[in-house]
PDB file of all heavy atoms in Angstrom:
ATOM      1  N   THR A   1      -3.575 -17.723-124.024  1.00  0.00           N
ATOM      2  CA  THR A   1      -5.017 -17.426-124.022  1.00  0.00           C
ATOM      3  C   THR A   1      -5.642 -17.608-122.640  1.00  0.00           C
ATOM      4  O   THR A   1      -6.852 -17.467-122.494  1.00  0.00           O
ATOM      5  CB  THR A   1      -5.769 -18.339-125.016  1.00  0.00           C
ATOM      6  OG1 THR A   1      -5.749 -19.695-124.526  1.00  0.00           O
ATOM      7  CG2 THR A   1      -5.136 -18.289-126.390  1.00  0.00           C
ATOM      8  N   GLY A   2      -4.801 -17.945-121.636  1.00  0.00           N
ATOM      9  CA  GLY A   2      -5.353 -18.233-120.309  1.00  0.00           C
ATOM     10  C   GLY A   2      -6.100 -19.551-120.292  1.00  0.00           C
ATOM     11  O   GLY A   2      -7.026 -19.730-119.504  1.00  0.00           O
ATOM     12  N   PHE A   3      -5.694 -20.472-121.180  1.00  0.00           N
ATOM     13  CA  PHE A   3      -6.341 -21.780-121.321  1.00  0.00           C
ATOM     14  C   PHE A   3      -7.855 -21.618-121.557  1.00  0.00           C
ATOM     15  O   PHE A   3      -8.679 -22.312-120.979  1.00  0.00           O
ATOM     16  CB  PHE A   3      -6.072 -22.663-120.095  1.00  0.00           C
ATOM     17  CG  PHE A   3      -4.660 -23.155-120.040  1.00  0.00           C
ATOM     18  CD1 PHE A   3      -3.661 -22.365-119.489  1.00  0.00           C
ATOM     19  CD2 PHE A   3      -4.302 -24.378-120.581  1.00  0.00           C
ATOM     20  CE1 PHE A   3      -2.337 -22.794-119.471  1.00  0.00           C
ATOM     21  CE2 PHE A   3      -2.983 -24.823-120.563  1.00  0.00           C
ATOM     22  CZ  PHE A   3      -2.000 -24.026-119.999  1.00  0.00           C
ATOM     23  N   GLN A   4      -8.159 -20.663-122.453  1.00  0.00           N
ATOM     24  CA  GLN A   4      -9.548 -20.326-122.734  1.00  0.00           C
ATOM     25  C   GLN A   4     -10.334 -21.499-123.311  1.00  0.00           C
ATOM     26  O   GLN A   4     -11.514 -21.673-123.004  1.00  0.00           O
ATOM     27  CB  GLN A   4      -9.619 -19.134-123.695  1.00  0.00           C
ATOM     28  CG  GLN A   4     -11.024 -18.580-123.896  1.00  0.00           C
ATOM     29  CD  GLN A   4     -11.667 -18.156-122.591  1.00  0.00           C
ATOM     30  OE1 GLN A   4     -11.055 -17.455-121.798  1.00  0.00           O
ATOM     31  NE2 GLN A   4     -12.907 -18.581-122.350  1.00  0.00           N
ATOM     32  N   ASN A   5      -9.684 -22.301-124.163  1.00  0.00           N
ATOM     33  CA  ASN A   5     -10.412 -23.430-124.738  1.00  0.00           C
ATOM     34  C   ASN A   5     -10.818 -24.425-123.656  1.00  0.00           C
ATOM     35  O   ASN A   5     -11.897 -25.019-123.719  1.00  0.00           O
ATOM     36  CB  ASN A   5      -9.560 -24.124-125.804  1.00  0.00           C
ATOM     37  CG  ASN A   5      -9.537 -23.359-127.107  1.00  0.00           C
ATOM     38  OD1 ASN A   5      -9.256 -22.170-127.117  1.00  0.00           O
ATOM     39  ND2 ASN A   5      -9.827 -24.016-128.210  1.00  0.00           N
ATOM     40  N   CYS A   6      -9.956 -24.618-122.667  1.00  0.00           N
ATOM     41  CA  CYS A   6     -10.305 -25.500-121.545  1.00  0.00           C
ATOM     42  C   CYS A   6     -11.478 -24.903-120.774  1.00  0.00           C
ATOM     43  O   CYS A   6     -12.448 -25.598-120.430  1.00  0.00           O
ATOM     44  CB  CYS A   6      -9.119 -25.671-120.594  1.00  0.00           C
ATOM     45  SG  CYS A   6      -7.640 -26.396-121.330  1.00  0.00           S
ATOM     46  N   ARG A   7     -11.393 -23.607-120.495  1.00  0.00           N
ATOM     47  CA  ARG A   7     -12.388 -22.934-119.663  1.00  0.00           C
ATOM     48  C   ARG A   7     -13.742 -22.775-120.368  1.00  0.00           C
ATOM     49  O   ARG A   7     -14.770 -22.640-119.712  1.00  0.00           O
ATOM     50  CB  ARG A   7     -11.863 -21.564-119.236  1.00  0.00           C
ATOM     51  CG  ARG A   7     -10.661 -21.649-118.286  1.00  0.00           C
ATOM     52  CD  ARG A   7     -10.061 -20.273-118.021  1.00  0.00           C
ATOM     53  NE  ARG A   7      -8.925 -20.347-117.134  1.00  0.00           N
ATOM     54  CZ  ARG A   7      -8.997 -20.305-115.804  1.00  0.00           C
ATOM     55  NH1 ARG A   7     -10.175 -20.185-115.212  1.00  0.00           N
ATOM     56  NH2 ARG A   7      -7.909 -20.361-115.070  1.00  0.00           N
ATOM     57  N   THR A   8     -13.730 -22.783-121.705  1.00  0.00           N
ATOM     58  CA  THR A   8     -15.001 -22.678-122.426  1.00  0.00           C
ATOM     59  C   THR A   8     -15.872 -23.908-122.164  1.00  0.00           C
ATOM     60  O   THR A   8     -17.095 -23.796-122.034  1.00  0.00           O
ATOM     61  CB  THR A   8     -14.752 -22.533-123.937  1.00  0.00           C
ATOM     62  OG1 THR A   8     -14.012 -21.334-124.177  1.00  0.00           O
ATOM     63  CG2 THR A   8     -16.063 -22.461-124.711  1.00  0.00           C
ATOM     64  N   CYS A   9     -15.237 -25.083-122.068  1.00  0.00           N
ATOM     65  CA  CYS A   9     -15.981 -26.314-121.773  1.00  0.00           C
ATOM     66  C   CYS A   9     -16.135 -26.536-120.262  1.00  0.00           C
ATOM     67  O   CYS A   9     -17.175 -27.008-119.806  1.00  0.00           O
ATOM     68  CB  CYS A   9     -15.274 -27.524-122.384  1.00  0.00           C
ATOM     69  SG  CYS A   9     -15.410 -27.641-124.173  1.00  0.00           S
ATOM     70  N   HIS A  10     -15.082 -26.215-119.525  1.00  0.00           N
ATOM     71  CA  HIS A  10     -15.068 -26.481-118.083  1.00  0.00           C
ATOM     72  C   HIS A  10     -15.236 -25.178-117.307  1.00  0.00           C
ATOM     73  O   HIS A  10     -14.265 -24.445-117.106  1.00  0.00           O
ATOM     74  CB  HIS A  10     -13.757 -27.159-117.677  1.00  0.00           C
ATOM     75  CG  HIS A  10     -13.484 -28.439-118.403  1.00  0.00           C
ATOM     76  ND1 HIS A  10     -14.037 -29.644-118.026  1.00  0.00           N
ATOM     77  CD2 HIS A  10     -12.714 -28.708-119.491  1.00  0.00           C
ATOM     78  CE1 HIS A  10     -13.625 -30.594-118.843  1.00  0.00           C
ATOM     79  NE2 HIS A  10     -12.826 -30.057-119.742  1.00  0.00           N
ATOM     80  N   ASP A  11     -16.454 -24.904-116.883  1.00  0.00           N
ATOM     81  CA  ASP A  11     -16.731 -23.713-116.071  1.00  0.00           C
ATOM     82  C   ASP A  11     -16.430 -24.056-114.615  1.00  0.00           C
ATOM     83  O   ASP A  11     -17.199 -24.756-113.952  1.00  0.00           O
ATOM     84  CB  ASP A  11     -18.188 -23.292-116.239  1.00  0.00           C
ATOM     85  CG  ASP A  11     -18.491 -21.952-115.577  1.00  0.00           C
ATOM     86  OD1 ASP A  11     -17.732 -21.554-114.666  1.00  0.00           O
ATOM     87  OD2 ASP A  11     -19.484 -21.317-115.960  1.00  0.00           O
ATOM     88  N   LEU A  12     -15.305 -23.563-114.107  1.00  0.00           N
ATOM     89  CA  LEU A  12     -14.859 -23.947-112.766  1.00  0.00           C
ATOM     90  C   LEU A  12     -15.812 -23.482-111.674  1.00  0.00           C
ATOM     91  O   LEU A  12     -15.835 -24.054-110.582  1.00  0.00           O
ATOM     92  CB  LEU A  12     -13.453 -23.377-112.504  1.00  0.00           C
ATOM     93  CG  LEU A  12     -12.368 -23.817-113.494  1.00  0.00           C
ATOM     94  CD1 LEU A  12     -11.003 -23.300-113.055  1.00  0.00           C
ATOM     95  CD2 LEU A  12     -12.330 -25.337-113.630  1.00  0.00           C
ATOM     96  N   SER A  13     -16.610 -22.455-111.963  1.00  0.00           N
ATOM     97  CA  SER A  13     -17.561 -21.964-110.962  1.00  0.00           C
ATOM     98  C   SER A  13     -18.790 -22.855-110.838  1.00  0.00           C
ATOM     99  O   SER A  13     -19.576 -22.717-109.905  1.00  0.00           O
ATOM    100  CB  SER A  13     -18.001 -20.543-111.308  1.00  0.00           C
ATOM    101  OG  SER A  13     -18.757 -20.533-112.517  1.00  0.00           O
ATOM    102  N   LYS A  14     -18.946 -23.781-111.789  1.00  0.00           N
ATOM    103  CA  LYS A  14     -20.133 -24.652-111.786  1.00  0.00           C
ATOM    104  C   LYS A  14     -19.785 -26.121-111.572  1.00  0.00           C
ATOM    105  O   LYS A  14     -20.623 -26.998-111.774  1.00  0.00           O
ATOM    106  CB  LYS A  14     -20.892 -24.491-113.108  1.00  0.00           C
ATOM    107  CG  LYS A  14     -21.456 -23.093-113.309  1.00  0.00           C
ATOM    108  CD  LYS A  14     -22.213 -22.972-114.623  1.00  0.00           C
ATOM    109  CE  LYS A  14     -22.770 -21.570-114.794  1.00  0.00           C
ATOM    110  NZ  LYS A  14     -23.496 -21.419-116.085  1.00  0.00           N
ATOM    111  N   MET A  15     -18.550 -26.376-111.149  1.00  0.00           N
ATOM    112  CA  MET A  15     -18.161 -27.761-110.891  1.00  0.00           C
ATOM    113  C   MET A  15     -18.880 -28.285-109.654  1.00  0.00           C
ATOM    114  O   MET A  15     -19.021 -27.582-108.652  1.00  0.00           O
ATOM    115  CB  MET A  15     -16.653 -27.864-110.696  1.00  0.00           C
ATOM    116  CG  MET A  15     -15.850 -27.639-111.957  1.00  0.00           C
ATOM    117  SD  MET A  15     -14.073 -27.909-111.710  1.00  0.00           S
ATOM    118  CE  MET A  15     -14.042 -29.699-111.490  1.00  0.00           C
ATOM    119  N   LYS A  16     -19.332 -29.546-109.725  1.00  0.00           N
ATOM    120  CA  LYS A  16     -20.051 -30.145-108.597  1.00  0.00           C
ATOM    121  C   LYS A  16     -19.811 -31.651-108.611  1.00  0.00           C
ATOM    122  O   LYS A  16     -20.009 -32.303-109.619  1.00  0.00           O
ATOM    123  CB  LYS A  16     -21.552 -29.851-108.684  1.00  0.00           C
ATOM    124  CG  LYS A  16     -22.355 -30.316-107.479  1.00  0.00           C
ATOM    125  CD  LYS A  16     -23.818 -29.892-107.638  1.00  0.00           C
ATOM    126  CE  LYS A  16     -24.641 -30.227-106.405  1.00  0.00           C
ATOM    127  NZ  LYS A  16     -24.783 -31.671-106.185  1.00  0.00           N
ATOM    128  N   ASN A  17     -19.339 -32.157-107.489  1.00  0.00           N
ATOM    129  CA  ASN A  17     -19.099 -33.585-107.357  1.00  0.00           C
ATOM    130  C   ASN A  17     -19.443 -33.977-105.929  1.00  0.00           C
ATOM    131  O   ASN A  17     -18.664 -33.742-105.001  1.00  0.00           O
ATOM    132  CB  ASN A  17     -17.633 -33.912-107.676  1.00  0.00           C
ATOM    133  CG  ASN A  17     -17.380 -35.409-107.773  1.00  0.00           C
ATOM    134  OD1 ASN A  17     -17.970 -36.194-107.032  1.00  0.00           O
ATOM    135  ND2 ASN A  17     -16.498 -35.805-108.685  1.00  0.00           N
ATOM    136  N   ASP A  18     -20.633 -34.554-105.769  1.00  0.00           N
ATOM    137  CA  ASP A  18     -21.110 -34.879-104.425  1.00  0.00           C
ATOM    138  C   ASP A  18     -20.233 -35.918-103.730  1.00  0.00           C
ATOM    139  O   ASP A  18     -20.103 -35.918-102.507  1.00  0.00           O
ATOM    140  CB  ASP A  18     -22.560 -35.379-104.484  1.00  0.00           C
ATOM    141  CG  ASP A  18     -23.523 -34.283-104.907  1.00  0.00           C
ATOM    142  OD1 ASP A  18     -23.226 -33.105-104.623  1.00  0.00           O
ATOM    143  OD2 ASP A  18     -24.553 -34.598-105.541  1.00  0.00           O
ATOM    144  N   GLN A  19     -19.654 -36.811-104.500  1.00  0.00           N
ATOM    145  CA  GLN A  19     -18.801 -37.847-103.912  1.00  0.00           C
ATOM    146  C   GLN A  19     -17.433 -37.304-103.520  1.00  0.00           C
ATOM    147  O   GLN A  19     -16.820 -37.784-102.570  1.00  0.00           O
ATOM    148  CB  GLN A  19     -18.636 -39.017-104.894  1.00  0.00           C
ATOM    149  CG  GLN A  19     -19.934 -39.779-105.154  1.00  0.00           C
ATOM    150  CD  GLN A  19     -19.727 -40.954-106.097  1.00  0.00           C
ATOM    151  OE1 GLN A  19     -18.793 -40.948-106.903  1.00  0.00           O
ATOM    152  NE2 GLN A  19     -20.590 -41.941-106.012  1.00  0.00           N
ATOM    153  N   HIS A  20     -16.973 -36.311-104.277  1.00  0.00           N
ATOM    154  CA  HIS A  20     -15.670 -35.709-103.988  1.00  0.00           C
ATOM    155  C   HIS A  20     -15.796 -34.184-104.022  1.00  0.00           C
ATOM    156  O   HIS A  20     -15.316 -33.529-104.949  1.00  0.00           O
ATOM    157  CB  HIS A  20     -14.627 -36.176-105.009  1.00  0.00           C
ATOM    158  CG  HIS A  20     -14.457 -37.658-105.068  1.00  0.00           C
ATOM    159  ND1 HIS A  20     -13.792 -38.380-104.100  1.00  0.00           N
ATOM    160  CD2 HIS A  20     -14.900 -38.572-105.977  1.00  0.00           C
ATOM    161  CE1 HIS A  20     -13.804 -39.661-104.411  1.00  0.00           C
ATOM    162  NE2 HIS A  20     -14.481 -39.812-105.541  1.00  0.00           N
ATOM    163  N   PRO A  21     -16.437 -33.598-103.017  1.00  0.00           N
ATOM    164  CA  PRO A  21     -16.659 -32.146-103.011  1.00  0.00           C
ATOM    165  C   PRO A  21     -15.362 -31.344-102.972  1.00  0.00           C
ATOM    166  O   PRO A  21     -15.338 -30.176-103.381  1.00  0.00           O
ATOM    167  CB  PRO A  21     -17.489 -31.919-101.746  1.00  0.00           C
ATOM    168  CG  PRO A  21     -17.211 -33.121-100.888  1.00  0.00           C
ATOM    169  CD  PRO A  21     -17.013 -34.250-101.841  1.00  0.00           C
ATOM    170  N   ASP A  22     -14.291 -31.949-102.497  1.00  0.00           N
ATOM    171  CA  ASP A  22     -13.012 -31.249-102.421  1.00  0.00           C
ATOM    172  C   ASP A  22     -12.465 -30.926-103.814  1.00  0.00           C
ATOM    173  O   ASP A  22     -11.691 -29.979-103.982  1.00  0.00           O
ATOM    174  CB  ASP A  22     -11.998 -32.076-101.632  1.00  0.00           C
ATOM    175  CG  ASP A  22     -11.835 -33.478-102.199  1.00  0.00           C
ATOM    176  OD1 ASP A  22     -12.868 -34.120-102.470  1.00  0.00           O
ATOM    177  OD2 ASP A  22     -10.687 -33.936-102.364  1.00  0.00           O
ATOM    178  N   VAL A  23     -12.871 -31.720-104.819  1.00  0.00           N
ATOM    179  CA  VAL A  23     -12.400 -31.482-106.186  1.00  0.00           C
ATOM    180  C   VAL A  23     -12.909 -30.134-106.698  1.00  0.00           C
ATOM    181  O   VAL A  23     -12.152 -29.332-107.240  1.00  0.00           O
ATOM    182  CB  VAL A  23     -12.854 -32.614-107.127  1.00  0.00           C
ATOM    183  CG1 VAL A  23     -12.503 -32.274-108.581  1.00  0.00           C
ATOM    184  CG2 VAL A  23     -12.207 -33.930-106.720  1.00  0.00           C
ATOM    185  N   ALA A  24     -14.203 -29.882-106.510  1.00  0.00           N
ATOM    186  CA  ALA A  24     -14.785 -28.612-106.940  1.00  0.00           C
ATOM    187  C   ALA A  24     -14.196 -27.451-106.151  1.00  0.00           C
ATOM    188  O   ALA A  24     -13.904 -26.384-106.709  1.00  0.00           O
ATOM    189  CB  ALA A  24     -16.303 -28.655-106.772  1.00  0.00           C
ATOM    190  N   ALA A  25     -13.994 -27.651-104.855  1.00  0.00           N
ATOM    191  CA  ALA A  25     -13.432 -26.599-104.009  1.00  0.00           C
ATOM    192  C   ALA A  25     -12.010 -26.257-104.447  1.00  0.00           C
ATOM    193  O   ALA A  25     -11.609 -25.082-104.475  1.00  0.00           O
ATOM    194  CB  ALA A  25     -13.446 -27.053-102.546  1.00  0.00           C
ATOM    195  N   PHE A  26     -11.248 -27.274-104.810  1.00  0.00           N
ATOM    196  CA  PHE A  26      -9.871 -27.058-105.260  1.00  0.00           C
ATOM    197  C   PHE A  26      -9.841 -26.253-106.557  1.00  0.00           C
ATOM    198  O   PHE A  26      -9.067 -25.301-106.707  1.00  0.00           O
ATOM    199  CB  PHE A  26      -9.173 -28.412-105.465  1.00  0.00           C
ATOM    200  CG  PHE A  26      -7.820 -28.315-106.101  1.00  0.00           C
ATOM    201  CD1 PHE A  26      -6.717 -27.960-105.348  1.00  0.00           C
ATOM    202  CD2 PHE A  26      -7.656 -28.563-107.459  1.00  0.00           C
ATOM    203  CE1 PHE A  26      -5.461 -27.858-105.940  1.00  0.00           C
ATOM    204  CE2 PHE A  26      -6.410 -28.473-108.053  1.00  0.00           C
ATOM    205  CZ  PHE A  26      -5.306 -28.111-107.287  1.00  0.00           C
ATOM    206  N   HIS A  27     -10.693 -26.624-107.517  1.00  0.00           N
ATOM    207  CA  HIS A  27     -10.686 -25.935-108.812  1.00  0.00           C
ATOM    208  C   HIS A  27     -11.267 -24.528-108.721  1.00  0.00           C
ATOM    209  O   HIS A  27     -10.917 -23.664-109.546  1.00  0.00           O
ATOM    210  CB  HIS A  27     -11.468 -26.753-109.846  1.00  0.00           C
ATOM    211  CG  HIS A  27     -10.719 -27.938-110.367  1.00  0.00           C
ATOM    212  ND1 HIS A  27     -10.688 -29.133-109.708  1.00  0.00           N
ATOM    213  CD2 HIS A  27      -9.955 -28.104-111.480  1.00  0.00           C
ATOM    214  CE1 HIS A  27      -9.960 -30.000-110.389  1.00  0.00           C
ATOM    215  NE2 HIS A  27      -9.492 -29.403-111.464  1.00  0.00           N
ATOM    216  N   ALA A  28     -12.149 -24.288-107.752  1.00  0.00           N
ATOM    217  CA  ALA A  28     -12.750 -22.960-107.614  1.00  0.00           C
ATOM    218  C   ALA A  28     -11.697 -21.889-107.345  1.00  0.00           C
ATOM    219  O   ALA A  28     -11.878 -20.715-107.691  1.00  0.00           O
ATOM    220  CB  ALA A  28     -13.783 -22.975-106.492  1.00  0.00           C
ATOM    221  N   VAL A  29     -10.588 -22.288-106.761  1.00  0.00           N
ATOM    222  CA  VAL A  29      -9.495 -21.360-106.478  1.00  0.00           C
ATOM    223  C   VAL A  29      -8.944 -20.758-107.762  1.00  0.00           C
ATOM    224  O   VAL A  29      -8.484 -19.611-107.797  1.00  0.00           O
ATOM    225  CB  VAL A  29      -8.364 -22.083-105.700  1.00  0.00           C
ATOM    226  CG1 VAL A  29      -7.175 -21.156-105.498  1.00  0.00           C
ATOM    227  CG2 VAL A  29      -8.878 -22.598-104.364  1.00  0.00           C
TER     228      VAL A  29
END
């Protein structure tokens, strides 16, 4: 399913972590 159930809760385009900005940048890929 392309891990659709994961992606339904976790929108990788909207991840934001001010303390660890590299985390959002990594997942955006």
